[in-house]
Amino acid sequence: MTPATRNFMERIRLKAMAVVLAVIVAAVGVIAWSTIPAWPVIGVGVAVVAVALNAIGSRLERAVCYSCGQSLDGQPVGERGSICPGCGSINQPFLAKRESESKQA
């Protein structure tokens, strides 16, 4: 699958996996290269992964299309969710229900 044909969620998952693998490789390299005890390096690695995954996941807080990543703010909500104006896919019925309920209150 080429990068142009990957959907938005696949790109997010790939970035998350790349961050985790890079931190693991870096931690193993630092432990093997130096005489630093393993526990502090592992602790820093866990903290870096937590911050990086939080930054990647924060992009999913707003309503975005799972296929192309376009914003769904202001789109009408149907029974099955919002329809993306960019690619036409139906997205996030549960998120759309929560947003419409909070606007009614």
N, C-alpha and C. Protein backbone atom coordinates (compact mmCIF):
# COMPACT_ATOMS: atom_id res chain seq x y z
N MET A 1 0.85 -1.17 0.00
CA MET A 1 0.00 0.00 0.00
C MET A 1 0.90 1.24 0.00
N THR A 2 0.67 2.12 -0.91
CA THR A 2 1.49 3.33 -0.99
C THR A 2 1.02 4.35 0.03
N PRO A 3 1.87 5.29 0.43
CA PRO A 3 1.46 6.29 1.43
C PRO A 3 0.26 7.12 0.99
N ALA A 4 0.08 7.32 -0.30
CA ALA A 4 -1.05 8.13 -0.77
C ALA A 4 -2.38 7.40 -0.59
N THR A 5 -2.36 6.06 -0.57
CA THR A 5 -3.61 5.32 -0.46
C THR A 5 -3.93 4.92 0.97
N ARG A 6 -3.03 5.18 1.92
CA ARG A 6 -3.32 4.86 3.32
C ARG A 6 -4.36 5.83 3.86
N ASN A 7 -5.30 5.31 4.65
CA ASN A 7 -6.27 6.21 5.23
C ASN A 7 -5.71 6.86 6.49
N PHE A 8 -6.45 7.77 7.03
CA PHE A 8 -6.00 8.58 8.16
C PHE A 8 -5.64 7.72 9.37
N MET A 9 -6.45 6.76 9.72
CA MET A 9 -6.19 5.93 10.90
C MET A 9 -4.95 5.06 10.70
N GLU A 10 -4.72 4.57 9.49
CA GLU A 10 -3.51 3.79 9.24
C GLU A 10 -2.26 4.64 9.42
N ARG A 11 -2.31 5.90 8.99
CA ARG A 11 -1.17 6.79 9.16
C ARG A 11 -0.93 7.07 10.65
N ILE A 12 -1.99 7.25 11.43
CA ILE A 12 -1.84 7.48 12.87
C ILE A 12 -1.22 6.25 13.54
N ARG A 13 -1.71 5.06 13.19
CA ARG A 13 -1.16 3.83 13.77
C ARG A 13 0.30 3.65 13.39
N LEU A 14 0.65 3.96 12.15
CA LEU A 14 2.03 3.82 11.70
C LEU A 14 2.95 4.77 12.44
N LYS A 15 2.51 6.01 12.67
CA LYS A 15 3.32 6.97 13.43
C LYS A 15 3.52 6.49 14.86
N ALA A 16 2.46 5.98 15.48
CA ALA A 16 2.57 5.50 16.86
C ALA A 16 3.53 4.31 16.94
N MET A 17 3.43 3.38 16.00
CA MET A 17 4.31 2.22 16.01
C MET A 17 5.76 2.66 15.77
N ALA A 18 5.98 3.63 14.89
CA ALA A 18 7.33 4.11 14.62
C ALA A 18 7.94 4.75 15.86
N VAL A 19 7.15 5.51 16.60
CA VAL A 19 7.66 6.14 17.82
C VAL A 19 8.04 5.08 18.85
N VAL A 20 7.19 4.10 19.04
CA VAL A 20 7.47 3.05 20.03
C VAL A 20 8.72 2.27 19.63
N LEU A 21 8.83 1.88 18.37
CA LEU A 21 10.00 1.12 17.94
C LEU A 21 11.28 1.95 18.02
N ALA A 22 11.20 3.23 17.68
CA ALA A 22 12.38 4.09 17.76
C ALA A 22 12.87 4.23 19.20
N VAL A 23 11.94 4.36 20.13
CA VAL A 23 12.33 4.48 21.54
C VAL A 23 12.94 3.17 22.04
N ILE A 24 12.38 2.04 21.63
CA ILE A 24 12.93 0.74 22.05
C ILE A 24 14.34 0.57 21.52
N VAL A 25 14.53 0.86 20.23
CA VAL A 25 15.86 0.72 19.63
C VAL A 25 16.85 1.69 20.29
N ALA A 26 16.44 2.91 20.55
CA ALA A 26 17.32 3.88 21.19
C ALA A 26 17.68 3.45 22.60
N ALA A 27 16.71 2.94 23.35
CA ALA A 27 16.99 2.49 24.72
C ALA A 27 17.96 1.32 24.74
N VAL A 28 17.74 0.35 23.86
CA VAL A 28 18.65 -0.79 23.80
C VAL A 28 20.05 -0.34 23.37
N GLY A 29 20.10 0.60 22.43
CA GLY A 29 21.40 1.11 22.00
C GLY A 29 22.14 1.84 23.10
N VAL A 30 21.44 2.66 23.88
CA VAL A 30 22.08 3.40 24.97
C VAL A 30 22.55 2.45 26.05
N ILE A 31 21.73 1.45 26.36
CA ILE A 31 22.13 0.48 27.40
C ILE A 31 23.34 -0.33 26.94
N ALA A 32 23.34 -0.76 25.67
CA ALA A 32 24.45 -1.57 25.17
C ALA A 32 25.72 -0.75 24.97
N TRP A 33 25.59 0.51 24.59
CA TRP A 33 26.75 1.35 24.27
C TRP A 33 27.43 1.90 25.51
N SER A 34 26.65 2.22 26.51
CA SER A 34 27.23 2.85 27.70
C SER A 34 27.11 1.94 28.91
N THR A 35 27.59 2.43 30.00
CA THR A 35 27.49 1.65 31.24
C THR A 35 26.36 2.15 32.13
N ILE A 36 25.41 2.88 31.54
CA ILE A 36 24.28 3.39 32.31
C ILE A 36 23.40 2.22 32.73
N PRO A 37 22.99 2.15 33.98
CA PRO A 37 22.07 1.09 34.40
C PRO A 37 20.76 1.14 33.59
N ALA A 38 20.14 0.03 33.42
CA ALA A 38 18.99 -0.09 32.52
C ALA A 38 17.74 0.62 33.02
N TRP A 39 17.48 0.63 34.33
CA TRP A 39 16.20 1.15 34.83
C TRP A 39 15.97 2.63 34.52
N PRO A 40 16.94 3.52 34.68
CA PRO A 40 16.68 4.92 34.31
C PRO A 40 16.41 5.10 32.82
N VAL A 41 17.12 4.34 31.99
CA VAL A 41 16.91 4.44 30.54
C VAL A 41 15.52 3.94 30.18
N ILE A 42 15.08 2.87 30.80
CA ILE A 42 13.74 2.34 30.53
C ILE A 42 12.68 3.33 31.02
N GLY A 43 12.91 3.95 32.17
CA GLY A 43 11.96 4.95 32.68
C GLY A 43 11.82 6.14 31.75
N VAL A 44 12.94 6.64 31.25
CA VAL A 44 12.89 7.75 30.29
C VAL A 44 12.20 7.31 29.01
N GLY A 45 12.46 6.10 28.57
CA GLY A 45 11.81 5.59 27.36
C GLY A 45 10.30 5.49 27.51
N VAL A 46 9.85 5.03 28.66
CA VAL A 46 8.40 4.95 28.91
C VAL A 46 7.78 6.34 28.93
N ALA A 47 8.48 7.29 29.53
CA ALA A 47 7.95 8.67 29.56
C ALA A 47 7.88 9.26 28.16
N VAL A 48 8.89 9.03 27.34
CA VAL A 48 8.89 9.54 25.96
C VAL A 48 7.75 8.93 25.17
N VAL A 49 7.54 7.62 25.31
CA VAL A 49 6.45 6.95 24.59
C VAL A 49 5.10 7.50 25.05
N ALA A 50 4.93 7.70 26.34
CA ALA A 50 3.65 8.23 26.84
C ALA A 50 3.35 9.62 26.30
N VAL A 51 4.35 10.48 26.29
CA VAL A 51 4.14 11.84 25.77
C VAL A 51 3.88 11.82 24.26
N ALA A 52 4.63 11.00 23.53
CA ALA A 52 4.46 10.94 22.08
C ALA A 52 3.10 10.37 21.70
N LEU A 53 2.66 9.31 22.36
CA LEU A 53 1.36 8.73 22.04
C LEU A 53 0.22 9.66 22.45
N ASN A 54 0.41 10.43 23.52
CA ASN A 54 -0.60 11.42 23.90
C ASN A 54 -0.70 12.51 22.84
N ALA A 55 0.42 12.94 22.30
CA ALA A 55 0.41 13.97 21.26
C ALA A 55 -0.25 13.44 19.98
N ILE A 56 0.03 12.18 19.64
CA ILE A 56 -0.58 11.59 18.45
C ILE A 56 -2.07 11.39 18.67
N GLY A 57 -2.45 10.90 19.83
CA GLY A 57 -3.86 10.66 20.13
C GLY A 57 -4.70 11.90 20.30
N SER A 58 -4.06 13.02 20.64
CA SER A 58 -4.83 14.25 20.84
C SER A 58 -5.44 14.75 19.54
N ARG A 59 -4.90 14.31 18.41
CA ARG A 59 -5.47 14.70 17.13
C ARG A 59 -6.84 14.06 16.91
N LEU A 60 -7.13 13.01 17.65
CA LEU A 60 -8.39 12.31 17.47
C LEU A 60 -9.49 12.85 18.37
N GLU A 61 -9.21 13.88 19.18
CA GLU A 61 -10.24 14.45 20.06
C GLU A 61 -11.33 15.16 19.28
N ARG A 62 -10.96 15.85 18.22
CA ARG A 62 -11.97 16.55 17.45
C ARG A 62 -12.54 15.59 16.40
N ALA A 63 -13.66 15.95 15.84
CA ALA A 63 -14.31 15.10 14.85
C ALA A 63 -13.57 15.21 13.52
N VAL A 64 -12.92 14.11 13.14
CA VAL A 64 -12.22 14.05 11.86
C VAL A 64 -12.66 12.80 11.12
N CYS A 65 -12.52 12.83 9.82
CA CYS A 65 -12.85 11.68 9.00
C CYS A 65 -11.81 10.60 9.22
N TYR A 66 -12.24 9.37 9.46
CA TYR A 66 -11.30 8.27 9.67
C TYR A 66 -10.63 7.85 8.37
N SER A 67 -11.19 8.21 7.24
CA SER A 67 -10.59 7.81 5.96
C SER A 67 -9.58 8.82 5.44
N CYS A 68 -9.92 10.12 5.47
CA CYS A 68 -9.02 11.11 4.87
C CYS A 68 -8.47 12.12 5.86
N GLY A 69 -9.03 12.22 7.06
CA GLY A 69 -8.52 13.15 8.07
C GLY A 69 -9.09 14.55 8.01
N GLN A 70 -10.05 14.79 7.13
CA GLN A 70 -10.66 16.12 7.03
C GLN A 70 -11.57 16.38 8.23
N SER A 71 -11.64 17.62 8.65
CA SER A 71 -12.45 18.00 9.79
C SER A 71 -13.93 17.83 9.48
N LEU A 72 -14.68 17.33 10.46
CA LEU A 72 -16.12 17.15 10.31
C LEU A 72 -16.89 18.17 11.12
N ASP A 73 -16.23 19.20 11.62
CA ASP A 73 -16.90 20.24 12.39
C ASP A 73 -17.94 20.94 11.52
N GLY A 74 -19.12 21.10 12.06
CA GLY A 74 -20.19 21.79 11.35
C GLY A 74 -20.97 20.93 10.38
N GLN A 75 -20.60 19.66 10.24
CA GLN A 75 -21.33 18.77 9.33
C GLN A 75 -22.58 18.26 10.03
N PRO A 76 -23.69 18.11 9.29
CA PRO A 76 -24.89 17.58 9.91
C PRO A 76 -24.70 16.13 10.33
N VAL A 77 -25.35 15.77 11.42
CA VAL A 77 -25.21 14.43 11.97
C VAL A 77 -26.46 13.63 11.63
N GLY A 78 -26.26 12.51 10.95
CA GLY A 78 -27.37 11.63 10.62
C GLY A 78 -27.47 10.49 11.61
N GLU A 79 -28.31 9.54 11.32
CA GLU A 79 -28.50 8.39 12.20
C GLU A 79 -27.23 7.55 12.29
N ARG A 80 -26.47 7.48 11.21
CA ARG A 80 -25.25 6.68 11.17
C ARG A 80 -23.98 7.49 11.40
N GLY A 81 -24.10 8.79 11.57
CA GLY A 81 -22.93 9.63 11.80
C GLY A 81 -22.84 10.75 10.79
N SER A 82 -21.69 11.38 10.71
CA SER A 82 -21.47 12.48 9.79
C SER A 82 -20.90 11.96 8.48
N ILE A 83 -21.27 12.61 7.39
CA ILE A 83 -20.74 12.25 6.08
C ILE A 83 -19.61 13.23 5.76
N CYS A 84 -18.47 12.68 5.41
CA CYS A 84 -17.30 13.52 5.09
C CYS A 84 -17.53 14.25 3.78
N PRO A 85 -17.32 15.57 3.76
CA PRO A 85 -17.49 16.31 2.51
C PRO A 85 -16.37 16.03 1.51
N GLY A 86 -15.24 15.53 1.99
CA GLY A 86 -14.10 15.29 1.11
C GLY A 86 -14.16 13.96 0.39
N CYS A 87 -14.44 12.88 1.14
CA CYS A 87 -14.39 11.55 0.52
C CYS A 87 -15.73 10.83 0.53
N GLY A 88 -16.70 11.33 1.29
CA GLY A 88 -18.04 10.74 1.29
C GLY A 88 -18.24 9.58 2.24
N SER A 89 -17.25 9.24 3.04
CA SER A 89 -17.42 8.12 3.97
C SER A 89 -18.22 8.57 5.20
N ILE A 90 -18.87 7.61 5.84
CA ILE A 90 -19.67 7.88 7.04
C ILE A 90 -18.79 7.63 8.25
N ASN A 91 -18.79 8.57 9.19
CA ASN A 91 -17.84 8.54 10.30
C ASN A 91 -18.49 8.78 11.64
N GLN A 92 -17.97 8.14 12.65
CA GLN A 92 -18.16 8.44 14.06
C GLN A 92 -19.61 8.65 14.50
N PRO A 93 -20.44 7.63 14.42
CA PRO A 93 -21.81 7.84 14.88
C PRO A 93 -21.92 8.11 16.37
N PHE A 94 -21.05 7.50 17.19
CA PHE A 94 -21.15 7.68 18.63
C PHE A 94 -20.63 9.05 19.04
N LEU A 95 -19.53 9.50 18.44
CA LEU A 95 -19.01 10.83 18.73
C LEU A 95 -20.00 11.89 18.27
N ALA A 96 -20.61 11.66 17.13
CA ALA A 96 -21.57 12.63 16.61
C ALA A 96 -22.79 12.73 17.53
N LYS A 97 -23.23 11.61 18.09
CA LYS A 97 -24.37 11.64 19.01
C LYS A 97 -24.03 12.43 20.27
N ARG A 98 -22.83 12.21 20.81
CA ARG A 98 -22.43 12.93 22.03
C ARG A 98 -22.34 14.42 21.78
N GLU A 99 -21.80 14.81 20.62
CA GLU A 99 -21.68 16.24 20.33
C GLU A 99 -23.05 16.87 20.16
N SER A 100 -23.98 16.17 19.49
CA SER A 100 -25.31 16.76 19.27
C SER A 100 -26.08 16.82 20.57
N GLU A 101 -25.89 15.86 21.47
CA GLU A 101 -26.56 15.89 22.77
C GLU A 101 -26.03 17.04 23.62
N SER A 102 -24.72 17.29 23.56
CA SER A 102 -24.15 18.36 24.38
C SER A 102 -24.59 19.74 23.84
N LYS A 103 -24.83 19.85 22.55
CA LYS A 103 -25.30 21.12 21.98
C LYS A 103 -26.75 21.39 22.36
N GLN A 104 -27.56 20.33 22.53
CA GLN A 104 -28.95 20.49 22.89
C GLN A 104 -29.12 20.91 24.35
N ALA A 105 -28.18 20.49 25.19
CA ALA A 105 -28.29 20.77 26.63
C ALA A 105 -27.99 22.21 26.96
